[in-house]
């Protein structure tokens, strides 16, 4: 599918919608991307990337193969009321937090193939961990969407009951990882580096560590052992971080975010 021309219509030109559009324009070069947003001025720069923009959610939507919703939950009904009279036999992909496949199938009168996704803004750089779920009736559509999002990083098909957890791990997790990079950068400045050099080292180190876990598919502790020598500087640093609650605070943070999403 990804080698043929695909028309992708993204409704919602916020941070996530724009990130998906840019990523798809880079890594699915055969795709025609359209992004809609009421305040079009904020996304007009996308036209320089050959991404079409419009303030009309229905702009040539009848030509779309895949429609992606990246709007707020309270906007969904309004958007669907606008577009449903103009579409049929489409794949509707939802990145809307808390909106189940079943609920969206009912809202669309079971006339569309529904796929639920949870990507991150790292899709812009081809590095999103995108979780995907769908009903058995939309299996073919789900596989097509999975193939598409595999171009933007990693596409993982999961049970829908894990979608809230996926939001925390993949989407919120981006912020957690960036907070570690910021802290490592600040420490680097304390021990002598200028800010830009410290940021470059911290960022590339995290990227390298992630690459190792993805490629070797082994427990992180086994990789840690490779750089932890007896009486060395690595082990004393790790032990001090654990004494200060490094792992436990991260776990607590993830669980707190998970508890919060259940309230939405």
Protein backbone atom coordinates (compact mmCIF):
# COMPACT_ATOMS: atom_id res chain seq x y z
CA UNK A 1 0.00 0.00 0.00
CA UNK A 2 2.71 2.48 0.94
CA UNK A 3 4.26 2.31 -2.55
CA UNK A 4 1.06 3.51 -4.22
CA UNK A 5 -0.40 6.98 -4.07
CA UNK A 6 -2.50 7.54 -0.95
CA UNK A 7 -4.63 10.56 -0.16
CA UNK A 8 -4.47 11.28 3.57
CA UNK A 9 -6.76 13.88 5.13
CA UNK A 10 -5.80 15.04 8.63
CA UNK A 11 -8.47 16.95 10.56
CA UNK A 12 -6.87 18.96 13.33
CA UNK A 13 -3.75 21.00 12.64
CA UNK A 14 -2.39 21.10 16.18
CA UNK A 15 0.97 19.77 17.33
CA UNK A 16 0.13 16.11 16.71
CA UNK A 17 -1.67 16.61 13.40
CA UNK A 18 1.17 18.72 12.04
CA UNK A 19 3.78 16.23 13.24
CA UNK A 20 1.96 13.40 11.45
CA UNK A 21 1.63 15.46 8.29
CA UNK A 22 5.32 16.34 8.18
CA UNK A 23 6.36 12.78 8.97
CA UNK A 24 4.11 11.32 6.30
CA UNK A 25 5.34 13.84 3.75
CA UNK A 26 8.93 12.76 4.49
CA UNK A 27 8.59 9.01 4.84
CA UNK A 28 5.56 8.24 2.68
CA UNK A 29 6.57 10.35 -0.26
CA UNK A 30 3.88 8.93 -2.53
CA UNK A 31 1.14 10.25 -0.24
CA UNK A 32 -0.88 13.42 -0.82
CA UNK A 33 -1.37 15.05 2.57
CA UNK A 34 -4.08 17.55 3.49
CA UNK A 35 -4.38 19.20 6.91
CA UNK A 36 -7.38 21.22 8.05
CA UNK A 37 -7.60 23.77 10.83
CA UNK A 38 -9.96 26.66 11.44
CA UNK A 39 -7.11 29.12 11.96
CA UNK A 40 -5.29 28.30 8.76
CA UNK A 41 -2.64 31.00 9.18
CA UNK A 42 -0.86 28.89 11.80
CA UNK A 43 -0.26 25.99 9.41
CA UNK A 44 0.20 27.70 6.04
CA UNK A 45 3.95 27.11 6.24
CA UNK A 46 3.18 23.44 5.55
CA UNK A 47 2.46 24.33 1.93
CA UNK A 48 6.22 24.75 1.42
CA UNK A 49 6.46 21.02 2.20
CA UNK A 50 3.85 20.19 -0.48
CA UNK A 51 1.22 19.61 2.21
CA UNK A 52 -2.16 21.06 1.36
CA UNK A 53 -3.92 23.10 4.04
CA UNK A 54 -7.49 24.29 4.36
CA UNK A 55 -9.87 25.81 6.91
CA UNK A 56 -12.63 23.57 5.52
CA UNK A 57 -12.75 20.07 7.00
CA UNK A 58 -14.52 18.86 3.85
CA UNK A 59 -11.90 20.19 1.43
CA UNK A 60 -11.71 17.41 -1.21
CA UNK A 61 -12.39 14.89 1.57
CA UNK A 62 -14.26 12.69 -0.88
CA UNK A 63 -10.89 11.97 -2.54
CA UNK A 64 -9.27 10.82 0.71
CA UNK A 65 -8.33 7.17 1.26
CA UNK A 66 -7.56 7.67 4.94
CA UNK A 67 -9.01 10.33 7.26
CA UNK A 68 -7.15 10.97 10.52
CA UNK A 69 -8.79 12.74 13.46
CA UNK A 70 -6.33 14.63 15.66
CA UNK A 71 -8.86 16.81 17.45
CA UNK A 72 -9.94 17.20 21.08
CA UNK A 73 -12.62 14.80 22.38
CA UNK A 74 -15.20 17.59 22.68
CA UNK A 75 -14.74 18.43 18.98
CA UNK A 76 -15.45 14.96 17.63
CA UNK A 77 -19.24 15.16 17.28
CA UNK A 78 -19.06 18.52 15.53
CA UNK A 79 -16.44 17.25 13.09
CA UNK A 80 -18.34 14.05 12.35
CA UNK A 81 -21.56 15.98 11.71
CA UNK A 82 -19.64 18.02 9.15
CA UNK A 83 -17.89 15.24 7.27
CA UNK A 84 -20.16 12.18 7.42
CA UNK A 85 -22.55 13.40 4.68
CA UNK A 86 -19.58 13.63 2.32
CA UNK A 87 -17.73 10.35 2.88
CA UNK A 88 -18.30 6.62 2.52
CA UNK A 89 -16.11 3.52 2.30
CA UNK A 90 -13.21 5.34 3.94
CA UNK A 91 -10.74 4.39 6.64
CA UNK A 92 -11.28 6.68 9.62
CA UNK A 93 -8.30 6.76 11.97
CA UNK A 94 -8.74 8.29 15.41
CA UNK A 95 -5.97 9.68 17.59
CA UNK A 96 -8.58 11.11 19.98
CA UNK A 97 -7.82 10.34 23.62
CA UNK A 98 -10.43 8.20 25.34
CA UNK A 99 -12.62 7.59 22.28
CA UNK A 100 -13.12 3.84 21.81
CA UNK A 101 -13.43 2.01 18.52
CA UNK A 102 -16.91 0.87 19.48
CA UNK A 103 -18.04 4.41 20.30
CA UNK A 104 -16.69 5.74 17.01
CA UNK A 105 -18.31 2.91 15.04
CA UNK A 106 -21.65 3.84 16.58
CA UNK A 107 -21.12 7.55 15.91
CA UNK A 108 -20.45 6.75 12.23
CA UNK A 109 -23.33 4.26 11.94
CA UNK A 110 -20.88 1.44 11.13
CA UNK A 111 -20.37 2.87 7.63
CA UNK A 112 -16.60 3.35 7.88
CA UNK A 113 -13.60 1.22 8.79
CA UNK A 114 -12.43 2.47 12.18
CA UNK A 115 -8.85 2.29 13.44
CA UNK A 116 -7.63 3.79 16.70
CA UNK A 117 -4.04 5.00 17.05
CA UNK A 118 -1.83 6.62 19.65
CA UNK A 119 1.28 8.13 18.03
CA UNK A 120 3.64 10.79 19.35
CA UNK A 121 4.98 14.03 17.93
CA UNK A 122 8.23 12.17 17.19
CA UNK A 123 6.40 10.92 14.07
CA UNK A 124 7.70 14.08 12.43
CA UNK A 125 11.19 12.53 12.59
CA UNK A 126 10.17 8.95 11.85
CA UNK A 127 10.61 7.95 15.51
CA UNK A 128 7.09 7.51 16.90
CA UNK A 129 6.07 4.42 18.88
CA UNK A 130 2.53 4.26 17.46
CA UNK A 131 0.07 1.88 19.13
CA UNK A 132 -2.84 0.67 16.97
CA UNK A 133 -6.08 -1.16 17.71
CA UNK A 134 -9.16 -2.05 15.68
CA UNK A 135 -12.10 -4.44 15.63
CA UNK A 136 -12.06 -7.68 13.67
CA UNK A 137 -14.37 -6.12 11.09
CA UNK A 138 -11.74 -3.49 10.32
CA UNK A 139 -8.79 -5.90 10.21
CA UNK A 140 -7.73 -5.10 6.64
CA UNK A 141 -7.96 -1.38 7.31
CA UNK A 142 -6.00 -1.80 10.52
CA UNK A 143 -3.19 -3.60 8.73
CA UNK A 144 -3.02 -0.86 6.10
CA UNK A 145 -2.77 1.79 8.81
CA UNK A 146 -0.13 -0.27 10.63
CA UNK A 147 1.92 -0.50 7.44
CA UNK A 148 1.66 3.26 6.97
CA UNK A 149 2.64 4.16 10.52
CA UNK A 150 5.52 1.70 10.48
CA UNK A 151 7.14 4.27 8.21
CA UNK A 152 7.00 6.78 11.07
CA UNK A 153 8.89 4.66 13.59
CA UNK A 154 7.40 1.56 15.18
CA UNK A 155 3.77 0.44 14.74
CA UNK A 156 2.52 -1.89 17.47
CA UNK A 157 -0.89 -3.57 17.30
CA UNK A 158 -2.30 -3.85 20.84
CA UNK A 159 -5.55 -4.70 22.59
CA UNK A 160 -7.73 -1.63 22.84
CA UNK A 161 -7.99 -1.94 26.62
CA UNK A 162 -4.30 -0.96 26.71
CA UNK A 163 -4.78 2.27 24.75
CA UNK A 164 -4.82 4.50 27.84
CA UNK A 165 -1.61 2.88 29.00
CA UNK A 166 -0.17 3.37 25.49
CA UNK A 167 -0.98 7.07 25.72
CA UNK A 168 1.09 7.35 28.88
CA UNK A 169 4.01 5.23 27.67
CA UNK A 170 4.30 6.58 24.14
CA UNK A 171 2.88 10.10 24.15
CA UNK A 172 3.50 11.29 27.71
CA UNK A 173 6.67 9.22 27.68
CA UNK A 174 8.17 11.62 25.14
CA UNK A 175 8.06 14.36 27.77
CA UNK A 176 9.56 12.07 30.40
CA UNK A 177 12.48 11.21 28.12
CA UNK A 178 13.03 14.88 27.30
CA UNK A 179 13.06 15.72 31.00
CA UNK A 180 15.88 13.20 31.48
CA UNK A 181 17.80 14.82 28.61
CA UNK A 182 17.30 18.24 30.17
CA UNK A 183 18.59 17.02 33.55
CA UNK A 184 21.60 15.32 31.95
CA UNK A 185 22.32 18.53 30.03
CA UNK A 186 22.21 20.59 33.23
CA UNK A 187 24.58 18.16 34.93
CA UNK A 188 26.88 18.36 31.93
CA UNK A 189 27.07 22.13 32.33
CA UNK A 190 27.96 21.69 36.01
CA UNK A 191 30.90 19.45 35.13
CA UNK A 192 32.29 21.77 32.49
CA UNK A 193 30.49 21.64 29.14
CA UNK A 194 28.77 24.54 27.42
CA UNK A 195 25.01 24.08 27.06
CA UNK A 196 24.95 23.14 23.37
CA UNK A 197 27.69 20.53 23.73
CA UNK A 198 26.05 19.09 26.84
CA UNK A 199 22.71 18.89 25.01
CA UNK A 200 24.28 17.18 21.99
CA UNK A 201 26.01 14.56 24.15
CA UNK A 202 22.92 13.87 26.28
CA UNK A 203 20.60 13.60 23.28
CA UNK A 204 22.86 11.34 21.22
CA UNK A 205 23.54 9.15 24.24
CA UNK A 206 19.81 8.57 24.77
CA UNK A 207 19.36 7.90 21.06
CA UNK A 208 22.22 5.40 21.14
CA UNK A 209 20.86 3.61 24.20
CA UNK A 210 17.43 3.36 22.59
CA UNK A 211 18.96 2.01 19.38
CA UNK A 212 20.69 -0.75 21.32
CA UNK A 213 17.51 -1.89 23.06
CA UNK A 214 15.54 -1.83 19.81
CA UNK A 215 18.14 -3.69 17.77
CA UNK A 216 19.26 -6.26 20.34
CA UNK A 217 15.85 -6.79 21.99
CA UNK A 218 17.31 -7.69 25.36
CA UNK A 219 16.66 -6.42 28.87
CA UNK A 220 18.20 -2.96 29.46
CA UNK A 221 20.03 -4.28 32.53
CA UNK A 222 22.09 -6.58 30.30
CA UNK A 223 23.23 -3.56 28.31
CA UNK A 224 23.92 -1.63 31.51
CA UNK A 225 26.23 -4.45 32.60
CA UNK A 226 28.42 -3.80 29.55
CA UNK A 227 29.34 -0.32 30.77
CA UNK A 228 29.35 -1.03 34.51
CA UNK A 229 32.80 -2.13 35.69
CA UNK A 230 33.82 -3.08 39.25
CA UNK A 231 34.64 -0.02 41.38
CA UNK A 232 33.94 2.17 38.34
CA UNK A 233 32.32 5.57 37.99
CA UNK A 234 29.18 4.18 36.30
CA UNK A 235 28.07 1.98 39.20
CA UNK A 236 28.54 4.67 41.84
CA UNK A 237 26.48 7.06 39.74
CA UNK A 238 23.71 4.52 39.20
CA UNK A 239 23.62 3.63 42.88
CA UNK A 240 23.39 7.29 43.89
CA UNK A 241 20.50 7.83 41.46
CA UNK A 242 18.67 4.84 42.92
CA UNK A 243 19.31 6.08 46.46
CA UNK A 244 17.64 9.33 45.39
CA UNK A 245 14.64 7.46 43.98
CA UNK A 246 15.37 7.62 40.25
CA UNK A 247 13.51 4.46 39.17
CA UNK A 248 10.77 4.68 41.78
CA UNK A 249 9.97 8.33 40.95
CA UNK A 250 9.73 7.52 37.25
CA UNK A 251 7.42 4.57 37.91
CA UNK A 252 5.29 6.69 40.23
CA UNK A 253 5.11 9.44 37.62
CA UNK A 254 3.90 7.03 34.93
CA UNK A 255 1.30 5.52 37.27
CA UNK A 256 0.11 9.00 38.32
CA UNK A 257 -0.37 9.99 34.69
CA UNK A 258 -2.25 6.74 34.10
CA UNK A 259 -4.57 7.47 37.04
CA UNK A 260 -5.21 10.94 35.60
CA UNK A 261 -6.14 9.71 32.13
CA UNK A 262 -8.78 7.48 33.70
CA UNK A 263 -10.51 10.65 34.94
CA UNK A 264 -10.81 12.15 31.45
